[in-house]
Amino acid sequence: MNKLTHGFAVLLFVGAASAQDVPRPLTDDDFLPFDMKKAAIGHQLFYDPILSGNRNISCAHCHHPDFGTSDGLSLGIGEGGQGLGPARTPGTGAQKIRKRIPRNAPGLWNLGAREIHTLFHDGRLSRSDIYGNGFNSPAQEWLPQGLNSLLAAQALFPLTAQFEMAGNVAENQVTGAVHDRIDKGWPILAKRVRTDPRYGPAMVGAFAGVGTTEDITIVEIANALAAFIATEWRSTDSPFDQYLAGDAGALSPVQKDGMKLFFGKGQCSSCHSGPLLSDQRFYALALPPFGPGRTRPFDPYARDVGRMGESDSLEDAYRFRTPMLRNVALTAPYGHNGAFPDMGSMIRHHLNPGQSLSDWRPEMAALPKVPWLEKADFLIRDDRFEMGRQQSRIDISLPALSDAEVGSLVAFLHALTGTDSVDRPPFGVPEGFVP
């Protein structure tokens, strides 16, 4: 479909005033190339607890395809927990969790896109040569050379996070090493992998420059994980994508109404713009706060300061990255902390953040019961000064929409769900995966 035909199709349903906001179709050229041999190794590693400090959790426990590559929870249960998705429990005895994961587990769709330059809710990982290794990251100059993508760099950090995969200090070698310095746990994990007969020989065969298993480092592991994530969860075949490619009948009438609102009156595309439906910028939306949050090291509050924790700039307080929206219907609950259980309530929050913050109730959060953490879960809501600060920092102001218009927007967002890319991914869940 050429640009002229695409533009004409858009004009039919959206209108000339906002036609320029409707993205072009995604193509193979929009994605980095990845090797399928490496992806096959990454597939096994992704579902294997070998990469966790206590060997009791894998990447898939928080990013599983049954839950849209997330976990179906507002705040996840990481290392020490048991089970999968909303049924996951916080563990027992000495292995029980000590803290909820501070933020919602994001979906993994289309993370191999060339356009992506920033990752994590607060943007603490981005492409940059400030440290001479291609990335601005929490590891700073200690991030190893040779990572082939932003996605490969991202894959390293859950491995070092105490409550996600590393484990508590003194429980294992990995977390003890990370406590000394963030990069010191990675060689321990790399040794586990290269001495495992399932992985060592396969990685020698897949990676040029790796002559023997002794040459395998955390870089090859990260690059394999990136290859798998990027190829397994590339989604460009939703009804909306089909519409962009020229099939005017791919969307229902109500979905077309929602598209008009999204790219017109509703002003959604002012932030959810471009082919990935994200401007990769940061906005304060006054989402209802709860849980441990993420803040600056010297800050004693159990709160989440958002982008300010990375930039240390006051103007970034409570700002979070605009999420990409393909397959958004699969990744509930919504928001950086999963505050809203469905797309309708999330849209309504955008329309009136202040009122929504006041009206929100804790039962809206999908939080498995953790009796020893319950007192702290919603403690921040009793701090009127902190609540006032968050209420005062709202970056968006959108026009009012009727219930019918909100329903149309929800219908359009459902049209962003992939078809074959969701139902028949290249690899799937491996046989023998035990939640």
Protein backbone atom coordinates (compact mmCIF):
# COMPACT_ATOMS: atom_id res chain seq x y z
CA MET A 1 0.00 0.00 0.00
CA ASN A 2 1.59 3.30 -1.07
CA LYS A 3 1.51 6.48 1.01
CA LEU A 4 -1.16 8.07 -1.19
CA THR A 5 -3.54 5.11 -0.86
CA HIS A 6 -2.89 4.86 2.87
CA GLY A 7 -3.58 8.57 3.31
CA PHE A 8 -6.85 8.33 1.34
CA ALA A 9 -8.07 5.38 3.46
CA VAL A 10 -7.29 7.32 6.61
CA LEU A 11 -9.16 10.38 5.38
CA LEU A 12 -12.27 8.28 4.83
CA PHE A 13 -12.64 7.50 8.50
CA VAL A 14 -10.58 9.97 10.50
CA GLY A 15 -10.78 13.31 8.77
CA ALA A 16 -8.22 15.62 7.22
CA ALA A 17 -7.45 17.47 10.47
CA SER A 18 -5.90 14.45 12.14
CA ALA A 19 -4.98 12.18 9.23
CA GLN A 20 -1.32 13.02 9.68
CA ASP A 21 -1.41 11.45 13.17
CA VAL A 22 -2.43 8.00 11.95
CA PRO A 23 0.76 5.93 11.70
CA ARG A 24 2.03 4.14 8.65
CA PRO A 25 2.00 0.34 8.74
CA LEU A 26 4.86 -1.41 10.52
CA THR A 27 7.11 -3.45 8.21
CA ASP A 28 10.05 -5.82 8.67
CA ASP A 29 12.36 -2.86 8.14
CA ASP A 30 11.11 -1.39 11.43
CA PHE A 31 12.66 -4.25 13.40
CA LEU A 32 16.21 -5.25 14.16
CA PRO A 33 17.29 -8.57 12.62
CA PHE A 34 17.86 -11.45 15.04
CA ASP A 35 19.27 -14.93 14.49
CA MET A 36 16.83 -17.81 15.04
CA LYS A 37 19.52 -20.15 16.43
CA LYS A 38 20.22 -17.62 19.14
CA ALA A 39 16.50 -17.10 19.65
CA ALA A 40 16.03 -20.85 20.19
CA ILE A 41 18.58 -20.73 23.01
CA GLY A 42 16.95 -17.62 24.43
CA HIS A 43 13.61 -19.42 24.34
CA GLN A 44 14.89 -22.10 26.70
CA LEU A 45 16.67 -19.61 28.96
CA PHE A 46 13.57 -17.43 29.23
CA TYR A 47 11.59 -20.28 30.79
CA ASP A 48 14.47 -21.66 32.89
CA PRO A 49 15.03 -20.66 36.55
CA ILE A 50 18.78 -21.14 36.01
CA LEU A 51 19.12 -17.36 35.67
CA SER A 52 17.76 -16.61 39.15
CA GLY A 53 19.91 -16.49 42.25
CA ASN A 54 18.01 -19.23 44.06
CA ARG A 55 17.01 -21.07 40.85
CA ASN A 56 13.35 -20.64 41.73
CA ILE A 57 12.00 -18.12 39.20
CA SER A 58 12.34 -17.54 35.46
CA CYS A 59 11.64 -14.57 33.20
CA ALA A 60 8.39 -16.31 32.23
CA HIS A 61 6.97 -16.18 35.74
CA CYS A 62 6.40 -12.43 35.33
CA HIS A 63 6.12 -12.33 31.51
CA HIS A 64 4.00 -15.26 30.39
CA PRO A 65 2.03 -15.44 27.12
CA ASP A 66 -1.06 -16.66 29.00
CA PHE A 67 -1.24 -13.15 30.48
CA GLY A 68 -0.28 -11.17 27.41
CA THR A 69 3.45 -11.44 28.28
CA SER A 70 2.77 -9.85 31.67
CA ASP A 71 1.45 -11.56 34.84
CA GLY A 72 -2.13 -10.34 35.33
CA LEU A 73 -1.20 -8.65 38.62
CA SER A 74 -0.98 -5.00 39.61
CA LEU A 75 2.33 -5.57 41.41
CA GLY A 76 4.01 -8.88 40.84
CA ILE A 77 5.29 -11.53 43.22
CA GLY A 78 8.89 -12.20 42.39
CA GLU A 79 11.63 -14.37 43.84
CA GLY A 80 10.29 -16.67 46.57
CA GLY A 81 6.74 -16.82 45.23
CA GLN A 82 4.97 -19.87 43.89
CA GLY A 83 2.64 -20.39 40.94
CA LEU A 84 1.79 -18.24 37.96
CA GLY A 85 -0.30 -15.18 37.17
CA PRO A 86 -3.16 -14.06 39.46
CA ALA A 87 -2.92 -17.41 41.27
CA ARG A 88 0.71 -16.79 42.28
CA THR A 89 1.25 -16.94 46.05
CA PRO A 90 3.92 -15.22 48.15
CA GLY A 91 5.67 -18.36 49.38
CA THR A 92 6.12 -19.71 52.86
CA GLY A 93 8.72 -19.96 55.60
CA ALA A 94 12.19 -18.61 54.97
CA GLN A 95 11.52 -18.45 51.22
CA LYS A 96 8.50 -16.14 51.44
CA ILE A 97 8.71 -12.80 49.69
CA ARG A 98 9.86 -9.74 51.62
CA LYS A 99 8.49 -7.13 49.24
CA ARG A 100 6.10 -6.86 46.33
CA ILE A 101 7.63 -5.95 42.96
CA PRO A 102 7.34 -2.13 42.96
CA ARG A 103 5.85 -1.76 39.47
CA ASN A 104 3.57 -3.54 37.04
CA ALA A 105 5.25 -6.09 34.76
CA PRO A 106 5.06 -4.56 31.25
CA GLY A 107 4.19 -6.55 28.16
CA LEU A 108 7.01 -7.56 25.81
CA TRP A 109 5.42 -6.85 22.44
CA ASN A 110 7.53 -5.34 19.64
CA LEU A 111 10.57 -4.64 21.82
CA GLY A 112 12.82 -5.47 18.89
CA ALA A 113 11.71 -2.33 17.02
CA ARG A 114 14.53 -0.10 15.82
CA GLU A 115 12.67 3.01 16.95
CA ILE A 116 12.79 2.16 20.66
CA HIS A 117 15.42 4.21 22.45
CA THR A 118 14.23 4.07 26.08
CA LEU A 119 12.95 1.27 28.32
CA PHE A 120 11.47 0.73 31.79
CA HIS A 121 8.63 2.76 33.28
CA ASP A 122 11.08 5.45 34.45
CA GLY A 123 13.38 5.31 31.43
CA ARG A 124 16.42 4.24 33.42
CA LEU A 125 17.78 2.41 30.37
CA SER A 126 18.36 4.25 27.13
CA ARG A 127 20.63 4.28 24.12
CA SER A 128 23.58 6.55 24.84
CA ASP A 129 27.36 6.51 24.71
CA ILE A 130 27.76 8.38 27.97
CA TYR A 131 29.62 5.40 29.49
CA GLY A 132 31.30 4.19 26.31
CA ASN A 133 29.25 0.99 26.04
CA GLY A 134 26.26 2.23 24.05
CA PHE A 135 23.81 2.63 26.93
CA ASN A 136 22.85 4.82 29.86
CA SER A 137 21.89 2.22 32.43
CA PRO A 138 21.90 1.47 36.17
CA ALA A 139 25.17 -0.42 35.59
CA GLN A 140 26.81 2.72 34.18
CA GLU A 141 30.38 1.92 33.04
CA TRP A 142 30.12 -1.67 34.36
CA LEU A 143 27.65 -2.75 31.70
CA PRO A 144 29.61 -5.15 29.46
CA GLN A 145 30.53 -4.40 25.87
CA GLY A 146 29.01 -6.41 23.04
CA LEU A 147 25.29 -6.22 23.81
CA ASN A 148 23.59 -6.15 20.43
CA SER A 149 20.49 -4.13 21.30
CA LEU A 150 18.67 -2.10 23.92
CA LEU A 151 16.57 -5.21 24.53
CA ALA A 152 19.67 -7.26 25.35
CA ALA A 153 20.78 -4.65 27.87
CA GLN A 154 17.31 -4.64 29.44
CA ALA A 155 17.37 -8.42 29.88
CA LEU A 156 20.28 -8.15 32.33
CA PHE A 157 18.64 -6.06 35.02
CA PRO A 158 15.91 -8.35 36.37
CA LEU A 159 18.74 -10.82 37.03
CA THR A 160 20.37 -8.37 39.45
CA ALA A 161 17.17 -7.18 41.17
CA GLN A 162 16.89 -8.58 44.70
CA PHE A 163 13.13 -9.06 44.78
CA GLU A 164 12.75 -10.00 41.11
CA MET A 165 15.29 -12.76 40.42
CA ALA A 166 18.49 -12.35 42.43
CA GLY A 167 17.19 -13.19 45.90
CA ASN A 168 17.91 -11.72 49.29
CA VAL A 169 21.40 -10.89 50.48
CA ALA A 170 23.27 -13.90 51.93
CA GLU A 171 20.91 -16.40 50.25
CA ASN A 172 23.14 -17.19 47.27
CA GLN A 173 26.34 -16.22 45.49
CA VAL A 174 24.61 -14.12 42.86
CA THR A 175 22.83 -11.73 45.17
CA GLY A 176 25.88 -11.47 47.41
CA ALA A 177 28.00 -10.47 44.44
CA VAL A 178 25.41 -7.97 43.19
CA HIS A 179 25.31 -6.41 46.65
CA ASP A 180 29.03 -5.70 46.19
CA ARG A 181 28.60 -4.25 42.69
CA ILE A 182 25.83 -4.67 40.14
CA ASP A 183 27.95 -6.41 37.49
CA LYS A 184 29.58 -9.01 39.73
CA GLY A 185 26.62 -11.40 39.71
CA TRP A 186 26.57 -11.80 35.93
CA PRO A 187 29.75 -13.94 35.66
CA ILE A 188 28.30 -16.38 38.20
CA LEU A 189 25.17 -16.81 36.09
CA ALA A 190 27.25 -17.12 32.92
CA LYS A 191 29.25 -19.96 34.46
CA ARG A 192 26.03 -21.78 35.33
CA VAL A 193 24.87 -21.54 31.74
CA ARG A 194 28.11 -22.39 29.95
CA THR A 195 28.69 -25.48 32.13
CA ASP A 196 25.15 -26.74 31.54
CA PRO A 197 25.18 -29.35 28.73
CA ARG A 198 21.86 -28.02 27.43
CA TYR A 199 23.35 -24.62 26.71
CA GLY A 200 27.14 -24.64 26.41
CA PRO A 201 27.54 -26.58 23.12
CA ALA A 202 24.46 -24.92 21.58
CA MET A 203 25.86 -21.45 22.26
CA VAL A 204 29.23 -22.40 20.79
CA GLY A 205 27.39 -23.40 17.63
CA ALA A 206 25.20 -20.29 17.49
CA PHE A 207 27.60 -17.45 18.30
CA ALA A 208 30.43 -16.47 15.99
CA GLY A 209 33.56 -15.77 18.00
CA VAL A 210 32.62 -18.24 20.73
CA GLY A 211 35.15 -21.02 20.15
CA THR A 212 34.62 -22.99 23.36
CA THR A 213 32.18 -22.96 26.23
CA GLU A 214 34.76 -21.04 28.27
CA ASP A 215 34.17 -18.07 25.94
CA ILE A 216 30.48 -17.77 26.89
CA THR A 217 29.70 -14.68 28.96
CA ILE A 218 26.60 -12.87 30.14
CA VAL A 219 26.69 -10.96 26.83
CA GLU A 220 25.83 -14.07 24.80
CA ILE A 221 23.08 -14.92 27.29
CA ALA A 222 21.56 -11.43 27.03
CA ASN A 223 21.80 -11.44 23.24
CA ALA A 224 20.06 -14.83 23.11
CA LEU A 225 17.25 -13.60 25.36
CA ALA A 226 16.84 -10.50 23.20
CA ALA A 227 16.69 -12.60 20.03
CA PHE A 228 13.93 -14.73 21.53
CA ILE A 229 11.82 -11.87 22.92
CA ALA A 230 12.11 -9.85 19.71
CA THR A 231 11.11 -12.73 17.41
CA GLU A 232 8.53 -14.41 19.65
CA TRP A 233 6.49 -11.31 20.41
CA ARG A 234 6.56 -9.24 17.24
CA SER A 235 2.97 -8.27 16.52
CA THR A 236 2.02 -6.39 13.35
CA ASP A 237 -1.09 -8.28 12.21
CA SER A 238 -3.93 -6.80 14.25
CA PRO A 239 -7.14 -5.62 12.59
CA PHE A 240 -5.76 -2.09 12.90
CA ASP A 241 -2.58 -3.13 11.09
CA GLN A 242 -4.72 -4.76 8.41
CA TYR A 243 -6.68 -1.54 8.08
CA LEU A 244 -3.47 0.47 7.76
CA ALA A 245 -2.38 -1.92 5.02
CA GLY A 246 -5.49 -1.11 2.98
CA ASP A 247 -8.27 -3.39 4.22
CA ALA A 248 -11.03 -0.86 5.01
CA GLY A 249 -13.26 -3.66 6.27
CA ALA A 250 -10.79 -4.85 8.93
CA LEU A 251 -12.39 -2.62 11.58
CA SER A 252 -15.99 -2.73 12.74
CA PRO A 253 -18.05 0.49 12.66
CA VAL A 254 -17.62 1.03 16.41
CA GLN A 255 -13.86 0.44 16.10
CA LYS A 256 -13.72 3.03 13.33
CA ASP A 257 -15.55 5.45 15.61
CA GLY A 258 -12.97 4.72 18.29
CA MET A 259 -10.15 5.31 15.83
CA LYS A 260 -11.62 8.70 14.94
CA LEU A 261 -11.68 9.61 18.62
CA PHE A 262 -8.18 8.26 19.23
CA PHE A 263 -6.62 10.31 16.45
CA GLY A 264 -9.04 13.22 16.76
CA LYS A 265 -11.24 14.59 19.52
CA GLY A 266 -9.88 12.28 22.24
CA GLN A 267 -6.29 13.48 21.63
CA CYS A 268 -4.91 10.05 22.54
CA SER A 269 -2.39 10.21 19.71
CA SER A 270 -0.77 13.31 21.16
CA CYS A 271 1.19 10.84 23.33
CA HIS A 272 0.41 7.45 21.78
CA SER A 273 1.90 8.43 18.46
CA GLY A 274 3.92 6.90 15.65
CA PRO A 275 4.00 3.31 14.42
CA LEU A 276 4.56 1.96 17.95
CA LEU A 277 1.78 4.13 19.42
CA SER A 278 4.14 5.72 21.95
CA ASP A 279 6.17 8.92 21.90
CA GLN A 280 8.55 7.33 24.47
CA ARG A 281 8.23 10.42 26.65
CA PHE A 282 7.19 10.82 30.28
CA TYR A 283 4.01 12.22 31.82
CA ALA A 284 2.51 12.58 35.29
CA LEU A 285 -1.03 11.20 35.37
CA ALA A 286 -1.65 11.04 39.14
CA LEU A 287 -2.25 7.30 39.12
CA PRO A 288 -3.42 6.10 42.54
CA PRO A 289 -0.26 5.17 44.49
CA PHE A 290 0.23 2.01 46.52
CA GLY A 291 2.85 -0.63 47.19
CA PRO A 292 6.55 -0.10 47.91
CA GLY A 293 7.18 2.15 44.91
CA ARG A 294 10.59 3.06 43.50
CA THR A 295 12.30 6.18 44.71
CA ARG A 296 15.76 7.68 45.14
CA PRO A 297 18.25 5.84 47.39
CA PHE A 298 18.22 8.57 50.02
CA ASP A 299 14.41 8.91 50.06
CA PRO A 300 12.77 7.13 53.03
CA TYR A 301 9.25 7.26 51.56
CA ALA A 302 7.44 4.17 50.31
CA ARG A 303 6.39 6.05 47.20
CA ASP A 304 7.14 6.08 43.49
CA VAL A 305 8.71 9.26 42.14
CA GLY A 306 8.80 7.95 38.56
CA ARG A 307 11.21 9.53 36.11
CA MET A 308 12.69 11.74 38.84
CA GLY A 309 14.36 8.67 40.32
CA GLU A 310 16.45 8.43 37.15
CA SER A 311 16.89 12.07 36.16
CA ASP A 312 17.01 13.54 39.69
CA SER A 313 15.11 16.50 38.24
CA LEU A 314 12.15 17.81 40.22
CA GLU A 315 10.18 18.52 37.06
CA ASP A 316 10.14 14.77 36.35
CA ALA A 317 8.42 13.89 39.62
CA TYR A 318 5.70 11.23 39.16
CA ARG A 319 6.23 11.04 35.42
CA PHE A 320 6.18 7.65 33.65
CA ARG A 321 6.90 6.50 30.11
CA THR A 322 4.09 6.35 27.56
CA PRO A 323 3.42 2.63 26.93
CA MET A 324 3.12 1.13 23.48
CA LEU A 325 -0.40 -0.11 22.77
CA ARG A 326 -0.36 -3.09 20.45
CA ASN A 327 -1.99 -6.02 22.29
CA VAL A 328 -2.92 -3.70 25.15
CA ALA A 329 -6.20 -5.60 25.60
CA LEU A 330 -4.15 -8.64 26.70
CA THR A 331 -2.08 -6.94 29.38
CA ALA A 332 -4.49 -5.84 32.13
CA PRO A 333 -4.27 -4.36 34.74
CA TYR A 334 -3.13 -0.93 33.57
CA GLY A 335 -0.78 1.82 34.65
CA HIS A 336 2.79 1.74 35.93
CA ASN A 337 1.47 0.05 39.08
CA GLY A 338 -1.52 -1.74 37.57
CA ALA A 339 -3.99 0.50 39.41
CA PHE A 340 -6.85 0.00 36.95
CA PRO A 341 -8.39 -3.39 36.16
CA ASP A 342 -9.74 -2.63 32.69
CA MET A 343 -9.21 -0.29 29.76
CA GLY A 344 -12.41 1.64 30.39
CA SER A 345 -11.36 2.69 33.89
CA MET A 346 -7.89 3.58 32.63
CA ILE A 347 -9.35 5.78 29.89
CA ARG A 348 -11.66 7.51 32.38
CA HIS A 349 -8.67 8.24 34.60
CA HIS A 350 -7.01 10.05 31.70
CA LEU A 351 -10.14 12.18 31.24
CA ASN A 352 -10.21 13.38 34.85
CA PRO A 353 -7.10 12.27 36.77
CA GLY A 354 -7.80 14.30 39.90
CA GLN A 355 -11.32 12.98 40.37
CA SER A 356 -10.26 9.45 39.51
CA LEU A 357 -7.47 9.58 42.09
CA SER A 358 -9.98 10.64 44.75
CA ASP A 359 -12.53 7.99 43.75
CA TRP A 360 -10.11 5.07 43.45
CA ARG A 361 -10.45 2.24 45.96
CA PRO A 362 -7.83 -0.37 47.00
CA GLU A 363 -10.06 -3.26 45.95
CA MET A 364 -9.50 -2.18 42.33
CA ALA A 365 -5.90 -3.40 42.57
CA ALA A 366 -5.05 -6.99 41.66
CA LEU A 367 -2.87 -7.81 44.66
CA PRO A 368 -2.57 -11.37 45.97
CA LYS A 369 -2.90 -11.43 49.74
CA VAL A 370 0.39 -11.09 51.58
CA PRO A 371 -0.55 -10.69 55.27
CA TRP A 372 2.89 -9.53 56.41
CA LEU A 373 2.91 -6.71 53.83
CA GLU A 374 -0.72 -5.55 53.99
CA LYS A 375 -0.13 -2.74 56.48
CA ALA A 376 2.33 -1.11 54.11
CA ASP A 377 0.45 -1.74 50.85
CA PHE A 378 -1.72 1.39 51.02
CA LEU A 379 0.07 3.38 53.71
CA ILE A 380 0.88 6.20 51.33
CA ARG A 381 -2.82 7.02 50.94
CA ASP A 382 -2.87 8.24 54.56
CA ASP A 383 -0.19 10.85 53.84
CA ARG A 384 -2.21 13.89 52.77
CA PHE A 385 0.93 15.87 51.90
CA GLU A 386 2.25 13.23 49.51
CA MET A 387 -1.19 12.68 48.01
CA GLY A 388 -1.47 16.42 47.51
CA ARG A 389 1.90 16.54 45.77
CA GLN A 390 0.88 13.79 43.37
CA GLN A 391 -2.51 15.41 42.74
CA SER A 392 -0.79 18.68 41.87
CA ARG A 393 1.42 17.09 39.19
CA ILE A 394 -0.82 16.28 36.24
CA ASP A 395 0.53 16.79 32.74
CA ILE A 396 -2.57 16.08 30.67
CA SER A 397 -5.89 17.83 30.13
CA LEU A 398 -8.29 16.07 27.80
CA PRO A 399 -11.82 16.83 26.61
CA ALA A 400 -14.79 15.13 28.26
CA LEU A 401 -16.11 12.01 26.54
CA SER A 402 -19.43 10.26 26.88
CA ASP A 403 -19.76 6.67 28.04
CA ALA A 404 -20.50 5.69 24.46
CA GLU A 405 -17.32 7.38 23.26
CA VAL A 406 -15.27 5.63 25.93
CA GLY A 407 -16.81 2.36 24.74
CA SER A 408 -15.78 3.15 21.18
CA LEU A 409 -12.21 3.81 22.31
CA VAL A 410 -12.16 0.48 24.14
CA ALA A 411 -13.40 -1.24 20.98
CA PHE A 412 -10.62 0.39 18.97
CA LEU A 413 -7.99 -0.69 21.50
CA HIS A 414 -9.24 -4.26 21.10
CA ALA A 415 -8.57 -3.84 17.37
CA LEU A 416 -4.86 -3.52 18.25
CA THR A 417 -4.71 -7.20 19.26
CA GLY A 418 -2.64 -9.38 16.95
CA THR A 419 -4.00 -12.49 15.27
CA ASP A 420 -1.45 -15.13 14.20
CA SER A 421 1.31 -13.30 16.06
CA VAL A 422 -0.59 -13.94 19.30
CA ASP A 423 -2.12 -17.34 18.58
CA ARG A 424 0.84 -18.99 16.85
CA PRO A 425 4.17 -17.54 18.00
CA PRO A 426 7.35 -19.10 16.56
CA PHE A 427 8.35 -21.00 19.72
CA GLY A 428 5.56 -21.15 22.30
CA VAL A 429 5.81 -22.37 25.90
CA PRO A 430 8.36 -25.21 26.04
CA GLU A 431 7.30 -28.65 27.17
CA GLY A 432 8.21 -29.24 30.78
CA PHE A 433 7.85 -25.64 31.94
CA VAL A 434 6.69 -25.78 35.54
CA PRO A 435 5.20 -22.59 37.02
